[in-house]
Amino acid sequence: MKKVMVFGTFDGIHKGHEFLFEEAKKHGDFLIVVVARDKTVLEIKKRLPRRDEKTRLLDLRNLSIVDEAVLGNDEDKLKIVLQKKPDIVCLGYDQKSFVDQLKERISIDKLPIEIIRLGSFMPDVYKSSKLDK
């Protein structure tokens, strides 16, 4: 079984997120979605998400395409990768946070993880920052 992992805030699921999950799932059999902790969102986006981490996690657990949804680690952002051992990590088209650290950790620990950058789905419409307005 090939495990695929994606990361994000997922503050209200929209068609862009659904596209991300569908595209990621094409690369494997089991989709793990890592939900950013509220503290992490505040660090990166300089604001809290509208919905707390537990609500966002529950939303994802209710999606049939998501096989497992977990909260990230607020101390070591990449610890979840070491714990879940995905075969592939799929990054969103605009995902920048922790990407360099992920590549470095995979290299240092000699982890057999492939990193794939996915495309976008109508980013001028379906992007959380645009939908928040």
N, C-alpha and C. Protein backbone atom coordinates (compact mmCIF):
# COMPACT_ATOMS: atom_id res chain seq x y z
N MET A 1 0.84 -1.18 0.00
CA MET A 1 0.00 0.00 0.00
C MET A 1 0.89 1.25 0.00
N LYS A 2 0.65 2.14 -0.92
CA LYS A 2 1.43 3.37 -1.04
C LYS A 2 0.71 4.50 -0.31
N LYS A 3 1.42 5.11 0.67
CA LYS A 3 0.83 6.19 1.46
C LYS A 3 1.26 7.55 0.91
N VAL A 4 0.28 8.44 0.82
CA VAL A 4 0.51 9.80 0.34
C VAL A 4 0.11 10.77 1.45
N MET A 5 0.90 11.81 1.63
CA MET A 5 0.63 12.79 2.69
C MET A 5 0.55 14.19 2.10
N VAL A 6 -0.42 14.97 2.59
CA VAL A 6 -0.52 16.39 2.26
C VAL A 6 -0.65 17.18 3.56
N PHE A 7 -0.27 18.44 3.50
CA PHE A 7 -0.31 19.33 4.66
C PHE A 7 -1.11 20.57 4.31
N GLY A 8 -1.73 21.17 5.32
CA GLY A 8 -2.40 22.45 5.09
C GLY A 8 -3.19 22.91 6.29
N THR A 9 -3.75 24.10 6.15
CA THR A 9 -4.59 24.68 7.19
C THR A 9 -6.01 24.15 7.05
N PHE A 10 -6.54 24.15 5.84
CA PHE A 10 -7.87 23.62 5.53
C PHE A 10 -8.94 24.30 6.39
N ASP A 11 -8.93 25.63 6.33
CA ASP A 11 -9.86 26.45 7.11
C ASP A 11 -11.14 26.66 6.31
N GLY A 12 -11.94 25.61 6.21
CA GLY A 12 -13.12 25.62 5.36
C GLY A 12 -12.76 24.94 4.05
N ILE A 13 -13.26 23.75 3.84
CA ILE A 13 -12.92 22.97 2.65
C ILE A 13 -13.60 23.57 1.42
N HIS A 14 -12.83 23.77 0.37
CA HIS A 14 -13.37 24.30 -0.89
C HIS A 14 -12.88 23.45 -2.05
N LYS A 15 -13.31 23.81 -3.25
CA LYS A 15 -12.98 23.00 -4.44
C LYS A 15 -11.47 22.90 -4.69
N GLY A 16 -10.72 23.89 -4.32
CA GLY A 16 -9.27 23.82 -4.45
C GLY A 16 -8.68 22.73 -3.56
N HIS A 17 -9.21 22.60 -2.33
CA HIS A 17 -8.76 21.54 -1.44
C HIS A 17 -9.18 20.17 -2.00
N GLU A 18 -10.40 20.09 -2.48
CA GLU A 18 -10.88 18.83 -3.04
C GLU A 18 -10.00 18.39 -4.20
N PHE A 19 -9.61 19.35 -5.04
CA PHE A 19 -8.71 19.06 -6.15
C PHE A 19 -7.37 18.54 -5.63
N LEU A 20 -6.83 19.19 -4.58
CA LEU A 20 -5.57 18.77 -3.97
C LEU A 20 -5.67 17.31 -3.52
N PHE A 21 -6.74 16.97 -2.82
CA PHE A 21 -6.91 15.60 -2.31
C PHE A 21 -7.03 14.60 -3.45
N GLU A 22 -7.80 14.95 -4.48
CA GLU A 22 -7.99 14.04 -5.62
C GLU A 22 -6.67 13.82 -6.36
N GLU A 23 -5.92 14.89 -6.58
CA GLU A 23 -4.64 14.77 -7.28
C GLU A 23 -3.64 13.97 -6.44
N ALA A 24 -3.61 14.22 -5.15
CA ALA A 24 -2.68 13.49 -4.27
C ALA A 24 -3.03 12.00 -4.27
N LYS A 25 -4.30 11.70 -4.19
CA LYS A 25 -4.75 10.30 -4.11
C LYS A 25 -4.38 9.52 -5.38
N LYS A 26 -4.21 10.21 -6.49
CA LYS A 26 -3.79 9.54 -7.73
C LYS A 26 -2.39 8.94 -7.61
N HIS A 27 -1.63 9.42 -6.63
CA HIS A 27 -0.25 8.96 -6.47
C HIS A 27 -0.11 7.81 -5.48
N GLY A 28 -1.22 7.39 -4.88
CA GLY A 28 -1.13 6.31 -3.91
C GLY A 28 -2.48 5.74 -3.55
N ASP A 29 -2.47 4.89 -2.52
CA ASP A 29 -3.67 4.17 -2.10
C ASP A 29 -4.29 4.72 -0.82
N PHE A 30 -3.49 5.42 -0.02
CA PHE A 30 -3.92 5.83 1.31
C PHE A 30 -3.52 7.29 1.52
N LEU A 31 -4.52 8.16 1.70
CA LEU A 31 -4.26 9.59 1.82
C LEU A 31 -4.29 10.03 3.28
N ILE A 32 -3.16 10.57 3.73
CA ILE A 32 -3.03 11.14 5.08
C ILE A 32 -3.00 12.66 4.93
N VAL A 33 -3.92 13.33 5.61
CA VAL A 33 -3.97 14.79 5.58
C VAL A 33 -3.54 15.31 6.94
N VAL A 34 -2.51 16.15 6.94
CA VAL A 34 -2.00 16.74 8.17
C VAL A 34 -2.55 18.16 8.28
N VAL A 35 -3.25 18.40 9.38
CA VAL A 35 -3.87 19.69 9.63
C VAL A 35 -2.93 20.54 10.49
N ALA A 36 -2.65 21.74 10.01
CA ALA A 36 -1.77 22.64 10.75
C ALA A 36 -2.40 23.03 12.08
N ARG A 37 -1.59 23.03 13.11
CA ARG A 37 -2.04 23.45 14.44
C ARG A 37 -2.34 24.95 14.41
N ASP A 38 -3.22 25.39 15.28
CA ASP A 38 -3.55 26.82 15.35
C ASP A 38 -2.29 27.66 15.56
N LYS A 39 -1.42 27.19 16.44
CA LYS A 39 -0.17 27.89 16.74
C LYS A 39 0.70 28.03 15.48
N THR A 40 0.74 26.99 14.68
CA THR A 40 1.54 27.01 13.44
C THR A 40 0.94 27.98 12.44
N VAL A 41 -0.38 27.98 12.31
CA VAL A 41 -1.05 28.91 11.39
C VAL A 41 -0.73 30.35 11.80
N LEU A 42 -0.78 30.63 13.08
CA LEU A 42 -0.48 31.97 13.58
C LEU A 42 0.96 32.35 13.24
N GLU A 43 1.90 31.41 13.39
CA GLU A 43 3.31 31.67 13.05
C GLU A 43 3.47 32.02 11.57
N ILE A 44 2.82 31.24 10.72
CA ILE A 44 3.01 31.38 9.28
C ILE A 44 2.19 32.53 8.69
N LYS A 45 0.91 32.58 9.03
CA LYS A 45 0.01 33.56 8.41
C LYS A 45 -0.19 34.82 9.23
N LYS A 46 0.39 34.83 10.43
CA LYS A 46 0.28 35.99 11.33
C LYS A 46 -1.16 36.28 11.75
N ARG A 47 -1.99 35.25 11.71
CA ARG A 47 -3.37 35.34 12.19
C ARG A 47 -3.85 33.93 12.48
N LEU A 48 -4.81 33.84 13.37
CA LEU A 48 -5.41 32.53 13.65
C LEU A 48 -6.39 32.17 12.56
N PRO A 49 -6.59 30.88 12.33
CA PRO A 49 -7.63 30.49 11.37
C PRO A 49 -9.01 30.82 11.94
N ARG A 50 -10.00 30.93 11.07
CA ARG A 50 -11.37 31.20 11.52
C ARG A 50 -11.89 30.05 12.37
N ARG A 51 -11.51 28.85 11.97
CA ARG A 51 -11.99 27.65 12.65
C ARG A 51 -10.82 27.01 13.39
N ASP A 52 -11.08 26.55 14.61
CA ASP A 52 -9.99 25.97 15.40
C ASP A 52 -9.55 24.62 14.82
N GLU A 53 -8.40 24.16 15.27
CA GLU A 53 -7.76 22.96 14.71
C GLU A 53 -8.63 21.71 14.86
N LYS A 54 -9.36 21.58 15.95
CA LYS A 54 -10.20 20.40 16.14
C LYS A 54 -11.36 20.37 15.17
N THR A 55 -11.94 21.53 14.89
CA THR A 55 -13.03 21.62 13.92
C THR A 55 -12.52 21.30 12.52
N ARG A 56 -11.37 21.87 12.17
CA ARG A 56 -10.79 21.61 10.85
C ARG A 56 -10.45 20.13 10.69
N LEU A 57 -9.95 19.51 11.75
CA LEU A 57 -9.63 18.08 11.73
C LEU A 57 -10.89 17.25 11.51
N LEU A 58 -11.95 17.56 12.23
CA LEU A 58 -13.22 16.83 12.09
C LEU A 58 -13.79 16.97 10.68
N ASP A 59 -13.68 18.16 10.10
CA ASP A 59 -14.15 18.37 8.72
C ASP A 59 -13.46 17.40 7.77
N LEU A 60 -12.16 17.25 7.94
CA LEU A 60 -11.40 16.37 7.05
C LEU A 60 -11.71 14.90 7.30
N ARG A 61 -11.93 14.55 8.53
CA ARG A 61 -12.26 13.15 8.84
C ARG A 61 -13.61 12.74 8.26
N ASN A 62 -14.43 13.72 7.93
CA ASN A 62 -15.74 13.43 7.34
C ASN A 62 -15.70 13.32 5.81
N LEU A 63 -14.56 13.55 5.21
CA LEU A 63 -14.43 13.43 3.75
C LEU A 63 -14.05 12.00 3.38
N SER A 64 -14.79 11.42 2.47
CA SER A 64 -14.54 10.02 2.10
C SER A 64 -13.19 9.81 1.42
N ILE A 65 -12.68 10.81 0.75
CA ILE A 65 -11.40 10.66 0.05
C ILE A 65 -10.22 10.63 1.02
N VAL A 66 -10.39 11.19 2.21
CA VAL A 66 -9.33 11.24 3.22
C VAL A 66 -9.36 9.96 4.04
N ASP A 67 -8.27 9.21 3.99
CA ASP A 67 -8.20 7.96 4.74
C ASP A 67 -7.82 8.19 6.20
N GLU A 68 -6.99 9.20 6.44
CA GLU A 68 -6.59 9.52 7.81
C GLU A 68 -6.30 11.02 7.88
N ALA A 69 -6.84 11.67 8.89
CA ALA A 69 -6.56 13.09 9.13
C ALA A 69 -5.97 13.21 10.53
N VAL A 70 -4.86 13.92 10.63
CA VAL A 70 -4.16 14.06 11.90
C VAL A 70 -3.73 15.52 12.09
N LEU A 71 -3.57 15.90 13.35
CA LEU A 71 -3.01 17.21 13.65
C LEU A 71 -1.49 17.14 13.53
N GLY A 72 -0.91 18.22 13.04
CA GLY A 72 0.53 18.30 12.97
C GLY A 72 1.12 18.48 14.36
N ASN A 73 2.42 18.49 14.42
CA ASN A 73 3.13 18.67 15.68
C ASN A 73 3.53 20.14 15.76
N ASP A 74 3.17 20.81 16.86
CA ASP A 74 3.45 22.25 16.91
C ASP A 74 4.89 22.58 17.29
N GLU A 75 5.67 21.59 17.68
CA GLU A 75 7.08 21.83 17.98
C GLU A 75 7.96 21.46 16.78
N ASP A 76 7.94 20.18 16.41
CA ASP A 76 8.71 19.70 15.26
C ASP A 76 7.73 19.45 14.12
N LYS A 77 7.67 20.40 13.21
CA LYS A 77 6.66 20.37 12.15
C LYS A 77 6.77 19.12 11.26
N LEU A 78 7.94 18.52 11.20
CA LEU A 78 8.14 17.38 10.32
C LEU A 78 8.11 16.04 11.05
N LYS A 79 7.88 16.07 12.34
CA LYS A 79 7.85 14.83 13.12
C LYS A 79 6.78 13.87 12.59
N ILE A 80 5.68 14.39 12.14
CA ILE A 80 4.58 13.56 11.63
C ILE A 80 5.02 12.75 10.41
N VAL A 81 5.93 13.31 9.63
CA VAL A 81 6.46 12.59 8.46
C VAL A 81 7.23 11.36 8.94
N LEU A 82 8.04 11.54 9.97
CA LEU A 82 8.81 10.42 10.52
C LEU A 82 7.90 9.38 11.16
N GLN A 83 6.81 9.83 11.77
CA GLN A 83 5.88 8.91 12.43
C GLN A 83 5.05 8.10 11.42
N LYS A 84 4.52 8.77 10.42
CA LYS A 84 3.60 8.12 9.47
C LYS A 84 4.30 7.46 8.30
N LYS A 85 5.53 7.87 8.02
CA LYS A 85 6.35 7.28 6.96
C LYS A 85 5.61 7.16 5.61
N PRO A 86 5.20 8.30 5.06
CA PRO A 86 4.56 8.23 3.74
C PRO A 86 5.57 7.87 2.67
N ASP A 87 5.07 7.33 1.58
CA ASP A 87 5.93 7.06 0.42
C ASP A 87 6.11 8.34 -0.40
N ILE A 88 5.07 9.16 -0.38
CA ILE A 88 5.04 10.39 -1.17
C ILE A 88 4.47 11.52 -0.32
N VAL A 89 5.07 12.70 -0.44
CA VAL A 89 4.49 13.92 0.12
C VAL A 89 4.12 14.79 -1.06
N CYS A 90 2.85 15.14 -1.13
CA CYS A 90 2.38 16.03 -2.20
C CYS A 90 2.23 17.43 -1.62
N LEU A 91 2.85 18.38 -2.29
CA LEU A 91 2.77 19.78 -1.88
C LEU A 91 1.81 20.53 -2.77
N GLY A 92 1.08 21.45 -2.18
CA GLY A 92 0.20 22.30 -2.96
C GLY A 92 1.01 23.24 -3.84
N TYR A 93 0.38 23.76 -4.87
CA TYR A 93 1.09 24.61 -5.83
C TYR A 93 1.72 25.84 -5.18
N ASP A 94 1.12 26.32 -4.09
CA ASP A 94 1.60 27.55 -3.45
C ASP A 94 2.23 27.30 -2.08
N GLN A 95 2.46 26.05 -1.76
CA GLN A 95 2.99 25.71 -0.43
C GLN A 95 4.48 26.02 -0.37
N LYS A 96 4.85 26.86 0.61
CA LYS A 96 6.24 27.27 0.74
C LYS A 96 6.81 26.95 2.12
N SER A 97 5.98 26.99 3.13
CA SER A 97 6.46 26.80 4.51
C SER A 97 6.95 25.37 4.73
N PHE A 98 8.11 25.26 5.30
CA PHE A 98 8.73 24.00 5.70
C PHE A 98 9.16 23.10 4.54
N VAL A 99 9.05 23.57 3.31
CA VAL A 99 9.41 22.74 2.16
C VAL A 99 10.91 22.46 2.17
N ASP A 100 11.72 23.49 2.39
CA ASP A 100 13.18 23.28 2.41
C ASP A 100 13.58 22.36 3.55
N GLN A 101 12.95 22.53 4.71
CA GLN A 101 13.25 21.67 5.85
C GLN A 101 12.85 20.23 5.56
N LEU A 102 11.74 20.05 4.87
CA LEU A 102 11.28 18.71 4.51
C LEU A 102 12.31 18.03 3.60
N LYS A 103 12.75 18.73 2.58
CA LYS A 103 13.75 18.17 1.66
C LYS A 103 15.04 17.83 2.39
N GLU A 104 15.45 18.72 3.30
CA GLU A 104 16.67 18.50 4.07
C GLU A 104 16.53 17.28 4.99
N ARG A 105 15.40 17.18 5.68
CA ARG A 105 15.17 16.06 6.61
C ARG A 105 15.16 14.74 5.85
N ILE A 106 14.52 14.71 4.70
CA ILE A 106 14.46 13.49 3.90
C ILE A 106 15.88 13.09 3.48
N SER A 107 16.67 14.08 3.08
CA SER A 107 18.04 13.82 2.64
C SER A 107 18.91 13.34 3.80
N ILE A 108 18.87 14.05 4.91
CA ILE A 108 19.71 13.70 6.07
C ILE A 108 19.37 12.31 6.60
N ASP A 109 18.08 12.04 6.75
CA ASP A 109 17.65 10.76 7.31
C ASP A 109 17.57 9.65 6.25
N LYS A 110 17.92 10.01 5.00
CA LYS A 110 17.88 9.04 3.89
C LYS A 110 16.53 8.32 3.82
N LEU A 111 15.47 9.12 3.90
CA LEU A 111 14.12 8.57 3.84
C LEU A 111 13.71 8.37 2.38
N PRO A 112 13.12 7.24 2.07
CA PRO A 112 12.70 6.97 0.69
C PRO A 112 11.35 7.63 0.39
N ILE A 113 11.32 8.95 0.50
CA ILE A 113 10.07 9.69 0.29
C ILE A 113 10.23 10.57 -0.95
N GLU A 114 9.26 10.45 -1.83
CA GLU A 114 9.23 11.28 -3.03
C GLU A 114 8.42 12.52 -2.73
N ILE A 115 8.87 13.67 -3.21
CA ILE A 115 8.12 14.91 -3.04
C ILE A 115 7.58 15.32 -4.41
N ILE A 116 6.28 15.56 -4.46
CA ILE A 116 5.63 15.94 -5.71
C ILE A 116 4.91 17.27 -5.51
N ARG A 117 5.12 18.19 -6.40
CA ARG A 117 4.41 19.48 -6.37
C ARG A 117 3.19 19.34 -7.28
N LEU A 118 2.01 19.55 -6.71
CA LEU A 118 0.77 19.43 -7.47
C LEU A 118 0.38 20.75 -8.10
N GLY A 119 -0.44 20.68 -9.12
CA GLY A 119 -0.93 21.88 -9.79
C GLY A 119 -2.06 22.52 -9.00
N SER A 120 -2.66 23.52 -9.58
CA SER A 120 -3.73 24.26 -8.92
C SER A 120 -5.05 24.06 -9.65
N PHE A 121 -6.11 24.41 -8.97
CA PHE A 121 -7.45 24.39 -9.55
C PHE A 121 -8.05 25.77 -9.37
N MET A 122 -8.11 26.53 -10.45
CA MET A 122 -8.70 27.86 -10.44
C MET A 122 -8.24 28.69 -9.23
N PRO A 123 -6.93 28.93 -9.11
CA PRO A 123 -6.41 29.63 -7.93
C PRO A 123 -6.90 31.06 -7.77
N ASP A 124 -7.41 31.66 -8.84
CA ASP A 124 -7.96 33.01 -8.72
C ASP A 124 -9.32 33.01 -8.03
N VAL A 125 -9.92 31.82 -7.95
CA VAL A 125 -11.23 31.70 -7.31
C VAL A 125 -11.12 30.89 -6.03
N TYR A 126 -10.53 29.68 -6.12
CA TYR A 126 -10.50 28.76 -4.99
C TYR A 126 -9.16 28.78 -4.28
N LYS A 127 -8.98 29.82 -3.50
CA LYS A 127 -7.82 29.96 -2.64
C LYS A 127 -8.37 30.54 -1.33
N SER A 128 -8.00 29.90 -0.24
CA SER A 128 -8.59 30.29 1.06
C SER A 128 -8.46 31.78 1.34
N SER A 129 -7.31 32.35 1.03
CA SER A 129 -7.12 33.78 1.33
C SER A 129 -8.07 34.65 0.52
N LYS A 130 -8.45 34.22 -0.67
CA LYS A 130 -9.41 34.97 -1.49
C LYS A 130 -10.83 34.72 -1.01
N LEU A 131 -11.10 33.52 -0.56
CA LEU A 131 -12.46 33.19 -0.11
C LEU A 131 -12.76 33.78 1.27
N ASP A 132 -11.73 34.13 2.02
CA ASP A 132 -11.91 34.71 3.36
C ASP A 132 -12.48 36.11 3.31
N LYS A 133 -12.34 36.76 2.18
CA LYS A 133 -12.74 38.18 2.08
C LYS A 133 -14.23 38.34 1.98
